[in-house]
Amino acid sequence: MGGANRNPAFYNELVAELTISEVARQIGLQASAIRYYEQIGLLPHPPRVSGQRRYDSTVLYRLAIIQRARQLGFALAEIRQLFFGFRKVTRASERWQKLSLRKLAELDALRDDLRTVRGLLKKMMRHCHCETLDQCGKGIFQSRRRNSATKSFPFASRR
């Protein structure tokens, strides 16, 4: 055995002694979220002592990754890919980089969509002078028919 395995601090760190409530408190999650992550396979099923889940400290590290990925806007399916969608020899940094590039492209597209919607809302505020929603709906309907080949946002004309 290597020297690291004889280190008592290392051994204590890996002993499965944390209850689900202790893990939840340390990581700032509800126990139900931890159970859900186990259910969907993001966390391994822990051993049980007298029917209670018992975790070693490595669960805290995995949960920290999950939380950071969620803060960055990654979906659970993307987080699953981070953990399991690469060959085991793929470095963590390479995994993050690949998924981050995809997420950045997604965010760029979302930014472009938001700019479009923002422009359309401003245009609507300037040009819509309808008295009733029926009048507005009629204008939208007619404009859609006229502009079916374009993606322009229709506005009712003044009456």
C-alpha atoms as a PDB file:
ATOM      1  CA  MET A   1       0.000   0.000   0.000  1.00  0.00           C
ATOM      2  CA  GLY A   2       1.110   3.556  -0.726  1.00  0.00           C
ATOM      3  CA  GLY A   3       1.760   6.102   1.999  1.00  0.00           C
ATOM      4  CA  ALA A   4      -1.459   7.971   1.263  1.00  0.00           C
ATOM      5  CA  ASN A   5      -3.585   4.974   2.221  1.00  0.00           C
ATOM      6  CA  ARG A   6      -1.903   4.766   5.645  1.00  0.00           C
ATOM      7  CA  ASN A   7      -2.684   8.404   6.354  1.00  0.00           C
ATOM      8  CA  PRO A   8      -5.482   8.449   8.978  1.00  0.00           C
ATOM      9  CA  ALA A   9      -6.925  11.710   7.609  1.00  0.00           C
ATOM     10  CA  PHE A  10      -7.217  10.155   4.144  1.00  0.00           C
ATOM     11  CA  TYR A  11      -8.894   7.055   5.564  1.00  0.00           C
ATOM     12  CA  ASN A  12     -11.354   9.101   7.651  1.00  0.00           C
ATOM     13  CA  GLU A  13     -12.197  11.200   4.612  1.00  0.00           C
ATOM     14  CA  LEU A  14     -13.359   8.137   2.682  1.00  0.00           C
ATOM     15  CA  VAL A  15     -15.250   6.388   5.486  1.00  0.00           C
ATOM     16  CA  ALA A  16     -18.955   6.268   4.706  1.00  0.00           C
ATOM     17  CA  GLU A  17     -20.189   8.012   7.802  1.00  0.00           C
ATOM     18  CA  LEU A  18     -22.219  11.006   6.688  1.00  0.00           C
ATOM     19  CA  THR A  19     -25.995  10.753   6.857  1.00  0.00           C
ATOM     20  CA  ILE A  20     -28.131  12.269   4.117  1.00  0.00           C
ATOM     21  CA  SER A  21     -29.117  15.132   6.423  1.00  0.00           C
ATOM     22  CA  GLU A  22     -25.451  15.885   7.153  1.00  0.00           C
ATOM     23  CA  VAL A  23     -24.642  15.882   3.447  1.00  0.00           C
ATOM     24  CA  ALA A  24     -27.658  18.086   2.730  1.00  0.00           C
ATOM     25  CA  ARG A  25     -26.638  20.561   5.430  1.00  0.00           C
ATOM     26  CA  GLN A  26     -22.996  20.721   4.305  1.00  0.00           C
ATOM     27  CA  ILE A  27     -23.801  21.195   0.625  1.00  0.00           C
ATOM     28  CA  GLY A  28     -26.926  23.358   1.082  1.00  0.00           C
ATOM     29  CA  LEU A  29     -29.471  21.086  -0.601  1.00  0.00           C
ATOM     30  CA  GLN A  30     -32.630  19.344   0.470  1.00  0.00           C
ATOM     31  CA  ALA A  31     -32.283  15.624   1.184  1.00  0.00           C
ATOM     32  CA  SER A  32     -34.944  15.032  -1.464  1.00  0.00           C
ATOM     33  CA  ALA A  33     -32.621  16.538  -4.106  1.00  0.00           C
ATOM     34  CA  ILE A  34     -29.857  14.157  -3.081  1.00  0.00           C
ATOM     35  CA  ARG A  35     -32.230  11.194  -3.287  1.00  0.00           C
ATOM     36  CA  TYR A  36     -33.369  12.416  -6.723  1.00  0.00           C
ATOM     37  CA  TYR A  37     -29.783  12.677  -7.971  1.00  0.00           C
ATOM     38  CA  GLU A  38     -29.275   9.085  -6.816  1.00  0.00           C
ATOM     39  CA  GLN A  39     -32.487   8.010  -8.537  1.00  0.00           C
ATOM     40  CA  ILE A  40     -31.441   9.481 -11.892  1.00  0.00           C
ATOM     41  CA  GLY A  41     -27.896   8.143 -11.601  1.00  0.00           C
ATOM     42  CA  LEU A  42     -25.917  11.336 -10.994  1.00  0.00           C
ATOM     43  CA  LEU A  43     -24.914  10.025  -7.580  1.00  0.00           C
ATOM     44  CA  PRO A  44     -24.052   6.431  -6.790  1.00  0.00           C
ATOM     45  CA  HIS A  45     -26.334   4.602  -4.394  1.00  0.00           C
ATOM     46  CA  PRO A  46     -24.581   4.737  -1.015  1.00  0.00           C
ATOM     47  CA  PRO A  47     -24.209   1.870   1.410  1.00  0.00           C
ATOM     48  CA  ARG A  48     -26.750   1.713   4.201  1.00  0.00           C
ATOM     49  CA  VAL A  49     -26.302   1.263   7.920  1.00  0.00           C
ATOM     50  CA  SER A  50     -29.447   0.192   9.751  1.00  0.00           C
ATOM     51  CA  GLY A  51     -31.410   1.258   6.660  1.00  0.00           C
ATOM     52  CA  GLN A  52     -29.923   4.769   6.570  1.00  0.00           C
ATOM     53  CA  ARG A  53     -27.823   6.035   3.688  1.00  0.00           C
ATOM     54  CA  ARG A  54     -24.190   6.599   4.622  1.00  0.00           C
ATOM     55  CA  TYR A  55     -21.909   8.704   2.455  1.00  0.00           C
ATOM     56  CA  ASP A  56     -18.213   9.347   2.320  1.00  0.00           C
ATOM     57  CA  SER A  57     -16.954  12.867   1.673  1.00  0.00           C
ATOM     58  CA  THR A  58     -16.567  12.285  -2.068  1.00  0.00           C
ATOM     59  CA  VAL A  59     -20.328  12.763  -2.424  1.00  0.00           C
ATOM     60  CA  LEU A  60     -19.786  16.373  -1.345  1.00  0.00           C
ATOM     61  CA  TYR A  61     -17.361  16.888  -4.237  1.00  0.00           C
ATOM     62  CA  ARG A  62     -19.726  15.391  -6.778  1.00  0.00           C
ATOM     63  CA  LEU A  63     -22.596  17.480  -5.432  1.00  0.00           C
ATOM     64  CA  ALA A  64     -20.393  20.590  -5.637  1.00  0.00           C
ATOM     65  CA  ILE A  65     -19.855  19.846  -9.335  1.00  0.00           C
ATOM     66  CA  ILE A  66     -23.583  19.321  -9.862  1.00  0.00           C
ATOM     67  CA  GLN A  67     -24.412  22.584  -8.099  1.00  0.00           C
ATOM     68  CA  ARG A  68     -21.824  24.575 -10.056  1.00  0.00           C
ATOM     69  CA  ALA A  69     -23.020  23.085 -13.338  1.00  0.00           C
ATOM     70  CA  ARG A  70     -26.626  23.976 -12.438  1.00  0.00           C
ATOM     71  CA  GLN A  71     -25.526  27.552 -11.597  1.00  0.00           C
ATOM     72  CA  LEU A  72     -23.921  27.740 -15.042  1.00  0.00           C
ATOM     73  CA  GLY A  73     -27.186  26.719 -16.683  1.00  0.00           C
ATOM     74  CA  PHE A  74     -26.389  23.097 -17.481  1.00  0.00           C
ATOM     75  CA  ALA A  75     -29.369  20.759 -17.612  1.00  0.00           C
ATOM     76  CA  LEU A  76     -29.294  17.481 -15.707  1.00  0.00           C
ATOM     77  CA  ALA A  77     -28.795  15.608 -18.995  1.00  0.00           C
ATOM     78  CA  GLU A  78     -25.723  17.745 -19.693  1.00  0.00           C
ATOM     79  CA  ILE A  79     -24.399  17.085 -16.193  1.00  0.00           C
ATOM     80  CA  ARG A  80     -24.915  13.373 -16.767  1.00  0.00           C
ATOM     81  CA  GLN A  81     -22.827  13.726 -19.908  1.00  0.00           C
ATOM     82  CA  LEU A  82     -20.127  15.504 -17.909  1.00  0.00           C
ATOM     83  CA  PHE A  83     -19.872  12.498 -15.599  1.00  0.00           C
ATOM     84  CA  PHE A  84     -20.575   9.628 -17.974  1.00  0.00           C
ATOM     85  CA  GLY A  85     -20.447  10.869 -21.570  1.00  0.00           C
ATOM     86  CA  PHE A  86     -16.697  10.665 -22.027  1.00  0.00           C
ATOM     87  CA  ARG A  87     -14.080   7.971 -21.991  1.00  0.00           C
ATOM     88  CA  LYS A  88     -12.749   7.466 -18.484  1.00  0.00           C
ATOM     89  CA  VAL A  89      -9.322   8.745 -19.569  1.00  0.00           C
ATOM     90  CA  THR A  90     -10.743  12.131 -20.609  1.00  0.00           C
ATOM     91  CA  ARG A  91      -9.496  14.799 -18.224  1.00  0.00           C
ATOM     92  CA  ALA A  92     -12.073  16.774 -16.263  1.00  0.00           C
ATOM     93  CA  SER A  93     -10.874  20.025 -17.829  1.00  0.00           C
ATOM     94  CA  GLU A  94     -11.461  18.628 -21.324  1.00  0.00           C
ATOM     95  CA  ARG A  95     -14.956  17.559 -20.331  1.00  0.00           C
ATOM     96  CA  TRP A  96     -15.773  21.020 -18.973  1.00  0.00           C
ATOM     97  CA  GLN A  97     -14.308  22.695 -22.051  1.00  0.00           C
ATOM     98  CA  LYS A  98     -16.312  20.612 -24.492  1.00  0.00           C
ATOM     99  CA  LEU A  99     -19.585  21.105 -22.638  1.00  0.00           C
ATOM    100  CA  SER A 100     -18.810  24.785 -22.025  1.00  0.00           C
ATOM    101  CA  LEU A 101     -18.273  25.430 -25.734  1.00  0.00           C
ATOM    102  CA  ARG A 102     -21.687  23.946 -26.455  1.00  0.00           C
ATOM    103  CA  LYS A 103     -23.284  25.963 -23.650  1.00  0.00           C
ATOM    104  CA  LEU A 104     -21.645  29.173 -24.908  1.00  0.00           C
ATOM    105  CA  ALA A 105     -23.029  28.560 -28.401  1.00  0.00           C
ATOM    106  CA  GLU A 106     -26.466  27.968 -26.874  1.00  0.00           C
ATOM    107  CA  LEU A 107     -26.186  31.186 -24.856  1.00  0.00           C
ATOM    108  CA  ASP A 108     -25.092  33.144 -27.938  1.00  0.00           C
ATOM    109  CA  ALA A 109     -28.171  31.923 -29.803  1.00  0.00           C
ATOM    110  CA  LEU A 110     -30.349  32.797 -26.817  1.00  0.00           C
ATOM    111  CA  ARG A 111     -28.791  36.273 -26.667  1.00  0.00           C
ATOM    112  CA  ASP A 112     -29.585  36.773 -30.353  1.00  0.00           C
ATOM    113  CA  ASP A 113     -33.166  35.618 -29.804  1.00  0.00           C
ATOM    114  CA  LEU A 114     -33.513  38.000 -26.853  1.00  0.00           C
ATOM    115  CA  ARG A 115     -32.239  40.901 -28.938  1.00  0.00           C
ATOM    116  CA  THR A 116     -34.819  40.081 -31.603  1.00  0.00           C
ATOM    117  CA  VAL A 117     -37.664  39.886 -29.096  1.00  0.00           C
ATOM    118  CA  ARG A 118     -36.490  43.076 -27.414  1.00  0.00           C
ATOM    119  CA  GLY A 119     -36.502  44.894 -30.760  1.00  0.00           C
ATOM    120  CA  LEU A 120     -39.933  43.555 -31.607  1.00  0.00           C
ATOM    121  CA  LEU A 121     -41.337  44.661 -28.256  1.00  0.00           C
ATOM    122  CA  LYS A 122     -39.978  48.160 -28.776  1.00  0.00           C
ATOM    123  CA  LYS A 123     -41.410  48.223 -32.294  1.00  0.00           C
ATOM    124  CA  MET A 124     -44.787  47.095 -30.976  1.00  0.00           C
ATOM    125  CA  MET A 125     -44.759  49.825 -28.332  1.00  0.00           C
ATOM    126  CA  ARG A 126     -44.088  52.451 -31.036  1.00  0.00           C
ATOM    127  CA  HIS A 127     -46.494  51.190 -33.685  1.00  0.00           C
ATOM    128  CA  CYS A 128     -49.453  49.507 -32.014  1.00  0.00           C
ATOM    129  CA  HIS A 129     -52.340  51.943 -31.626  1.00  0.00           C
ATOM    130  CA  CYS A 130     -55.215  49.458 -31.457  1.00  0.00           C
ATOM    131  CA  GLU A 131     -58.268  50.278 -29.375  1.00  0.00           C
ATOM    132  CA  THR A 132     -59.293  46.653 -28.765  1.00  0.00           C
ATOM    133  CA  LEU A 133     -57.610  43.276 -28.647  1.00  0.00           C
ATOM    134  CA  ASP A 134     -59.871  42.100 -31.475  1.00  0.00           C
ATOM    135  CA  GLN A 135     -58.551  44.938 -33.626  1.00  0.00           C
ATOM    136  CA  CYS A 136     -55.006  43.999 -32.646  1.00  0.00           C
ATOM    137  CA  GLY A 137     -55.641  40.310 -33.366  1.00  0.00           C
ATOM    138  CA  LYS A 138     -57.090  41.151 -36.783  1.00  0.00           C
ATOM    139  CA  GLY A 139     -53.992  43.185 -37.617  1.00  0.00           C
ATOM    140  CA  ILE A 140     -51.696  40.393 -36.464  1.00  0.00           C
ATOM    141  CA  PHE A 141     -53.642  37.813 -38.447  1.00  0.00           C
ATOM    142  CA  GLN A 142     -53.641  39.884 -41.627  1.00  0.00           C
ATOM    143  CA  SER A 143     -49.997  40.802 -41.269  1.00  0.00           C
ATOM    144  CA  ARG A 144     -49.044  37.126 -40.784  1.00  0.00           C
ATOM    145  CA  ARG A 145     -50.847  36.239 -43.982  1.00  0.00           C
ATOM    146  CA  ARG A 146     -49.088  39.026 -45.890  1.00  0.00           C
ATOM    147  CA  ASN A 147     -45.676  38.232 -44.403  1.00  0.00           C
ATOM    148  CA  SER A 148     -45.853  34.452 -44.139  1.00  0.00           C
ATOM    149  CA  ALA A 149     -42.434  34.120 -45.744  1.00  0.00           C
ATOM    150  CA  THR A 150     -40.757  36.423 -43.209  1.00  0.00           C
ATOM    151  CA  LYS A 151     -40.315  36.315 -39.486  1.00  0.00           C
ATOM    152  CA  SER A 152     -41.362  39.897 -38.889  1.00  0.00           C
ATOM    153  CA  PHE A 153     -43.606  40.548 -35.930  1.00  0.00           C
ATOM    154  CA  PRO A 154     -46.980  41.808 -37.139  1.00  0.00           C
ATOM    155  CA  PHE A 155     -48.571  44.958 -35.821  1.00  0.00           C
ATOM    156  CA  ALA A 156     -52.035  46.259 -36.322  1.00  0.00           C
ATOM    157  CA  SER A 157     -52.256  49.453 -38.268  1.00  0.00           C
ATOM    158  CA  ARG A 158     -53.929  52.589 -36.986  1.00  0.00           C
ATOM    159  CA  ARG A 159     -57.696  52.841 -37.454  1.00  0.00           C
END
